[in-house]
Amino acid sequence: MSESDQIALIAAKNLNLLPAASGTDAANGAAHEQQVRQVIASFQGGLDVRRAKESYIIEIYYNSKNPETAALYANAAADAYIEDQLTTRSEAARQGSQWLEERIDQLRTQMNVASLKAQEVRAKRDYRLAPKVEGGSAGSEKVEMGPSKAPQNTLEELESTALTYRKIYENYVQAHTESVLRQSYPIANARVISRAAPPLTKSSPKLARSLLAAIVLGGMFGFGVALLRETVPVLLARNREADDV
């Protein structure tokens, strides 16, 4: 279903124009779907949407024999557009939130693994750097120093990796929080500037334009009749002369 069909469907639903489903079997389902499509097509038939010159303003018109119906349907189309925008943004935020949750779980696991490795290396290095007493006498104390640079570099790399994962994890958590807020309180990109009111005069057909067209067509028709009246006798006279000759 296209976006215009979706908006027309929402408007028809808000106006209670959709028929009620009469059954659950396939035949009744197909018949109901056909009725819904007819309602959508009928609603779109009277709808006219125009852009106000070179601006971002959209003007919505609806043609109907009843002025109240024209205003009601035009406002329903505007409300349906806003509702469709809110639904679309909320659904996009929900999908984004779901993806962020999966990514956050992966980052949490990677962050914990990197932190655990850094803690293990740090514990081994601290143990090797600690003084070790042999023989039991104070005069025979011997200090065993652990490796100096290689474990330290490895530890620094692990700590840097763990810190990187933590920063990424925190950024994703913040993005997830914002996504949840957008899902709970979606904001549309459009708003209604002014509501449609029932027109005081009909917009079509234009009386002055119709009268002018009738005058022009009447004049052309009269000119054609006069031309025929002048031309036909002349042609008949010429035919008689030809017969006499």
Protein backbone atom coordinates (compact mmCIF):
# COMPACT_ATOMS: atom_id res chain seq x y z
CA MET A 1 0.00 0.00 0.00
CA SER A 2 1.39 3.38 -1.03
CA GLU A 3 1.74 6.32 1.33
CA SER A 4 -1.25 8.14 -0.20
CA ASP A 5 -3.38 5.01 0.18
CA GLN A 6 -2.25 4.69 3.79
CA ILE A 7 -3.21 8.29 4.54
CA ALA A 8 -6.59 7.86 2.83
CA LEU A 9 -7.15 4.66 4.83
CA ILE A 10 -6.41 6.43 8.12
CA ALA A 11 -8.72 9.31 7.20
CA ALA A 12 -11.54 6.95 6.20
CA LYS A 13 -11.06 5.03 9.43
CA ASN A 14 -11.21 8.20 11.52
CA LEU A 15 -14.37 9.24 9.65
CA ASN A 16 -15.97 5.80 10.20
CA LEU A 17 -16.32 5.28 6.45
CA LEU A 18 -14.88 1.76 6.38
CA PRO A 19 -17.32 -1.15 6.17
CA ALA A 20 -17.42 -3.67 8.99
CA ALA A 21 -15.99 -7.13 8.35
CA SER A 22 -18.77 -9.68 7.85
CA GLY A 23 -16.85 -12.93 8.31
CA THR A 24 -13.53 -14.69 8.61
CA ASP A 25 -13.55 -16.89 5.51
CA ALA A 26 -11.58 -16.10 2.38
CA ALA A 27 -14.57 -14.95 0.32
CA ASN A 28 -15.79 -12.48 2.92
CA GLY A 29 -12.22 -11.28 3.48
CA ALA A 30 -11.74 -10.59 -0.24
CA ALA A 31 -15.10 -8.82 -0.46
CA HIS A 32 -14.29 -6.66 2.55
CA GLU A 33 -10.88 -5.76 1.11
CA GLN A 34 -12.53 -4.77 -2.17
CA GLN A 35 -14.99 -2.54 -0.30
CA VAL A 36 -12.14 -0.90 1.60
CA ARG A 37 -10.29 -0.22 -1.65
CA GLN A 38 -13.44 1.35 -3.11
CA VAL A 39 -13.77 3.63 -0.08
CA ILE A 40 -10.12 4.66 -0.43
CA ALA A 41 -10.52 5.34 -4.16
CA SER A 42 -13.70 7.36 -3.53
CA PHE A 43 -11.98 9.43 -0.85
CA GLN A 44 -8.96 10.08 -3.07
CA GLY A 45 -11.24 11.04 -5.95
CA GLY A 46 -12.34 14.23 -4.20
CA LEU A 47 -8.97 15.01 -2.62
CA ASP A 48 -6.66 17.61 -4.13
CA VAL A 49 -3.25 18.45 -2.60
CA ARG A 50 -1.19 21.37 -3.82
CA ARG A 51 2.04 23.02 -2.80
CA ALA A 52 1.73 26.70 -1.95
CA LYS A 53 4.07 28.25 -4.53
CA GLU A 54 7.75 27.67 -3.58
CA SER A 55 7.22 27.02 0.11
CA TYR A 56 6.95 24.03 2.42
CA ILE A 57 3.22 24.66 2.95
CA ILE A 58 0.80 22.07 1.58
CA GLU A 59 -2.77 23.08 0.81
CA ILE A 60 -5.40 20.34 1.04
CA TYR A 61 -8.68 20.68 -0.85
CA TYR A 62 -11.66 18.37 -0.98
CA ASN A 63 -14.44 18.59 -3.56
CA SER A 64 -17.93 17.74 -2.36
CA LYS A 65 -21.48 18.91 -2.98
CA ASN A 66 -21.86 19.49 0.77
CA PRO A 67 -19.69 22.33 2.17
CA GLU A 68 -19.54 20.74 5.64
CA THR A 69 -18.42 17.44 4.15
CA ALA A 70 -15.71 19.18 2.11
CA ALA A 71 -14.25 20.86 5.22
CA LEU A 72 -14.60 17.72 7.33
CA TYR A 73 -12.81 15.51 4.80
CA ALA A 74 -10.03 18.06 4.18
CA ASN A 75 -9.34 18.27 7.93
CA ALA A 76 -9.46 14.47 8.18
CA ALA A 77 -6.83 14.19 5.44
CA ALA A 78 -4.55 16.64 7.31
CA ASP A 79 -5.01 14.76 10.60
CA ALA A 80 -4.35 11.45 8.85
CA TYR A 81 -1.09 12.81 7.42
CA ILE A 82 0.08 13.91 10.89
CA GLU A 83 -0.94 10.56 12.38
CA ASP A 84 0.91 8.67 9.64
CA GLN A 85 4.05 10.73 10.33
CA LEU A 86 3.86 9.95 14.06
CA THR A 87 3.31 6.25 13.41
CA THR A 88 6.22 6.09 10.97
CA ARG A 89 8.63 7.85 13.34
CA SER A 90 7.51 5.72 16.27
CA GLU A 91 8.01 2.51 14.28
CA ALA A 92 11.45 3.67 13.11
CA ALA A 93 12.40 4.47 16.71
CA ARG A 94 11.18 1.04 17.83
CA GLN A 95 13.25 -0.76 15.20
CA GLY A 96 16.28 1.38 16.04
CA SER A 97 15.80 0.67 19.75
CA GLN A 98 15.64 -3.07 19.08
CA TRP A 99 18.85 -2.96 17.03
CA LEU A 100 20.58 -0.91 19.73
CA GLU A 101 19.58 -3.43 22.40
CA GLU A 102 21.22 -6.26 20.47
CA ARG A 103 24.34 -4.18 19.84
CA ILE A 104 24.51 -3.14 23.51
CA ASP A 105 24.44 -6.79 24.60
CA GLN A 106 27.36 -7.55 22.26
CA LEU A 107 29.34 -4.54 23.47
CA ARG A 108 28.68 -5.44 27.11
CA THR A 109 30.09 -8.92 26.52
CA GLN A 110 33.14 -7.57 24.68
CA MET A 111 33.74 -4.93 27.36
CA ASN A 112 33.53 -7.48 30.17
CA VAL A 113 35.92 -9.87 28.39
CA ALA A 114 38.46 -7.09 27.76
CA SER A 115 38.20 -5.87 31.37
CA LEU A 116 38.63 -9.40 32.72
CA LYS A 117 41.76 -9.96 30.63
CA ALA A 118 43.22 -6.66 31.82
CA GLN A 119 42.51 -7.59 35.45
CA GLU A 120 44.15 -10.99 35.05
CA VAL A 121 47.31 -9.48 33.54
CA ARG A 122 47.37 -6.77 36.21
CA ALA A 123 47.06 -9.36 38.99
CA LYS A 124 49.93 -11.46 37.58
CA ARG A 125 52.15 -8.41 37.20
CA ASP A 126 51.44 -7.22 40.74
CA TYR A 127 52.22 -10.70 42.05
CA ARG A 128 55.56 -10.83 40.20
CA LEU A 129 56.52 -7.36 41.36
CA ALA A 130 55.83 -8.18 45.02
CA PRO A 131 58.98 -8.98 47.18
CA LYS A 132 59.48 -12.66 47.77
CA VAL A 133 61.27 -13.85 50.97
CA GLU A 134 63.34 -17.07 50.83
CA GLY A 135 65.14 -19.05 53.62
CA GLY A 136 63.26 -17.52 56.58
CA SER A 137 66.09 -15.25 57.89
CA ALA A 138 66.05 -11.47 57.62
CA GLY A 139 69.60 -11.39 56.27
CA SER A 140 68.84 -13.76 53.44
CA GLU A 141 65.90 -11.75 51.93
CA LYS A 142 65.80 -11.87 48.17
CA VAL A 143 63.53 -9.75 45.92
CA GLU A 144 62.30 -11.21 42.65
CA MET A 145 61.29 -8.56 40.11
CA GLY A 146 58.88 -9.42 37.40
CA PRO A 147 59.22 -8.60 33.74
CA SER A 148 59.39 -4.86 33.12
CA LYS A 149 58.07 -3.83 29.72
CA ALA A 150 56.41 -6.64 27.82
CA PRO A 151 53.66 -7.37 30.37
CA GLN A 152 53.21 -3.67 30.98
CA ASN A 153 52.65 -2.99 27.28
CA THR A 154 50.22 -5.86 27.04
CA LEU A 155 48.37 -4.56 30.07
CA GLU A 156 48.20 -1.07 28.61
CA GLU A 157 46.79 -2.44 25.38
CA LEU A 158 44.17 -4.45 27.22
CA GLU A 159 43.21 -1.52 29.40
CA SER A 160 42.97 0.73 26.34
CA THR A 161 40.77 -1.83 24.59
CA ALA A 162 38.54 -2.17 27.64
CA LEU A 163 38.25 1.60 27.92
CA THR A 164 37.34 1.89 24.24
CA TYR A 165 34.61 -0.72 24.58
CA ARG A 166 33.30 1.07 27.67
CA LYS A 167 33.05 4.42 25.85
CA ILE A 168 31.30 2.82 22.88
CA TYR A 169 29.00 0.98 25.27
CA GLU A 170 28.06 4.19 27.08
CA ASN A 171 27.38 6.00 23.78
CA TYR A 172 25.09 3.20 22.64
CA VAL A 173 23.27 3.21 25.97
CA GLN A 174 22.68 6.94 25.62
CA ALA A 175 21.45 6.50 22.04
CA HIS A 176 19.12 3.74 23.21
CA THR A 177 17.67 6.00 25.89
CA GLU A 178 17.01 8.73 23.34
CA SER A 179 15.43 6.19 20.98
CA VAL A 180 13.07 5.00 23.71
CA LEU A 181 12.05 8.60 24.39
CA ARG A 182 11.37 9.20 20.70
CA GLN A 183 9.29 6.04 20.63
CA SER A 184 7.27 7.11 23.66
CA TYR A 185 6.90 10.75 22.59
CA PRO A 186 7.19 10.91 18.77
CA ILE A 187 7.20 14.35 17.14
CA ALA A 188 5.86 14.83 13.61
CA ASN A 189 7.72 16.81 10.98
CA ALA A 190 4.54 18.65 9.99
CA ARG A 191 1.80 20.58 11.75
CA VAL A 192 -1.56 22.03 10.77
CA ILE A 193 -1.36 25.79 10.29
CA SER A 194 -5.08 26.44 9.82
CA ARG A 195 -8.12 24.19 9.80
CA ALA A 196 -10.48 24.04 6.84
CA ALA A 197 -13.84 25.77 7.22
CA PRO A 198 -17.01 25.13 5.19
CA PRO A 199 -16.88 27.39 2.09
CA LEU A 200 -19.50 30.11 1.71
CA THR A 201 -19.67 29.76 -2.08
CA LYS A 202 -19.08 26.84 -4.36
CA SER A 203 -15.68 26.68 -5.99
CA SER A 204 -16.76 24.87 -9.14
CA PRO A 205 -18.13 25.28 -11.65
CA LYS A 206 -17.25 28.98 -11.86
CA LEU A 207 -20.39 30.94 -12.82
CA ALA A 208 -18.59 33.80 -14.53
CA ARG A 209 -16.31 31.46 -16.43
CA SER A 210 -19.22 29.25 -17.46
CA LEU A 211 -21.23 32.29 -18.61
CA LEU A 212 -18.31 33.60 -20.65
CA ALA A 213 -17.78 30.20 -22.24
CA ALA A 214 -21.51 30.01 -23.08
CA ILE A 215 -21.42 33.44 -24.70
CA VAL A 216 -18.36 32.54 -26.78
CA LEU A 217 -19.81 29.21 -27.86
CA GLY A 218 -23.17 30.84 -28.62
CA GLY A 219 -21.52 33.49 -30.76
CA MET A 220 -19.52 30.90 -32.65
CA PHE A 221 -22.65 28.82 -33.22
CA GLY A 222 -24.61 31.85 -34.42
CA PHE A 223 -21.81 32.86 -36.76
CA GLY A 224 -21.73 29.35 -38.17
CA VAL A 225 -25.50 29.30 -38.76
CA ALA A 226 -25.39 32.70 -40.45
CA LEU A 227 -22.52 31.57 -42.64
CA LEU A 228 -24.48 28.49 -43.68
CA ARG A 229 -27.54 30.60 -44.52
CA GLU A 230 -25.46 32.79 -46.78
CA THR A 231 -23.47 29.99 -48.36
CA VAL A 232 -26.13 27.35 -49.03
CA PRO A 233 -28.38 29.51 -51.34
CA VAL A 234 -25.37 30.57 -53.38
CA LEU A 235 -24.29 26.96 -53.84
CA LEU A 236 -27.82 25.94 -54.83
CA ALA A 237 -28.07 28.77 -57.38
CA ARG A 238 -24.77 27.75 -58.92
CA ASN A 239 -25.97 24.16 -59.17
CA ARG A 240 -29.17 25.29 -61.00
CA GLU A 241 -27.13 27.33 -63.47
CA ALA A 242 -24.92 24.34 -64.11
CA ASP A 243 -27.99 22.19 -64.75
CA ASP A 244 -29.45 24.73 -67.18
CA VAL A 245 -26.24 24.89 -69.13
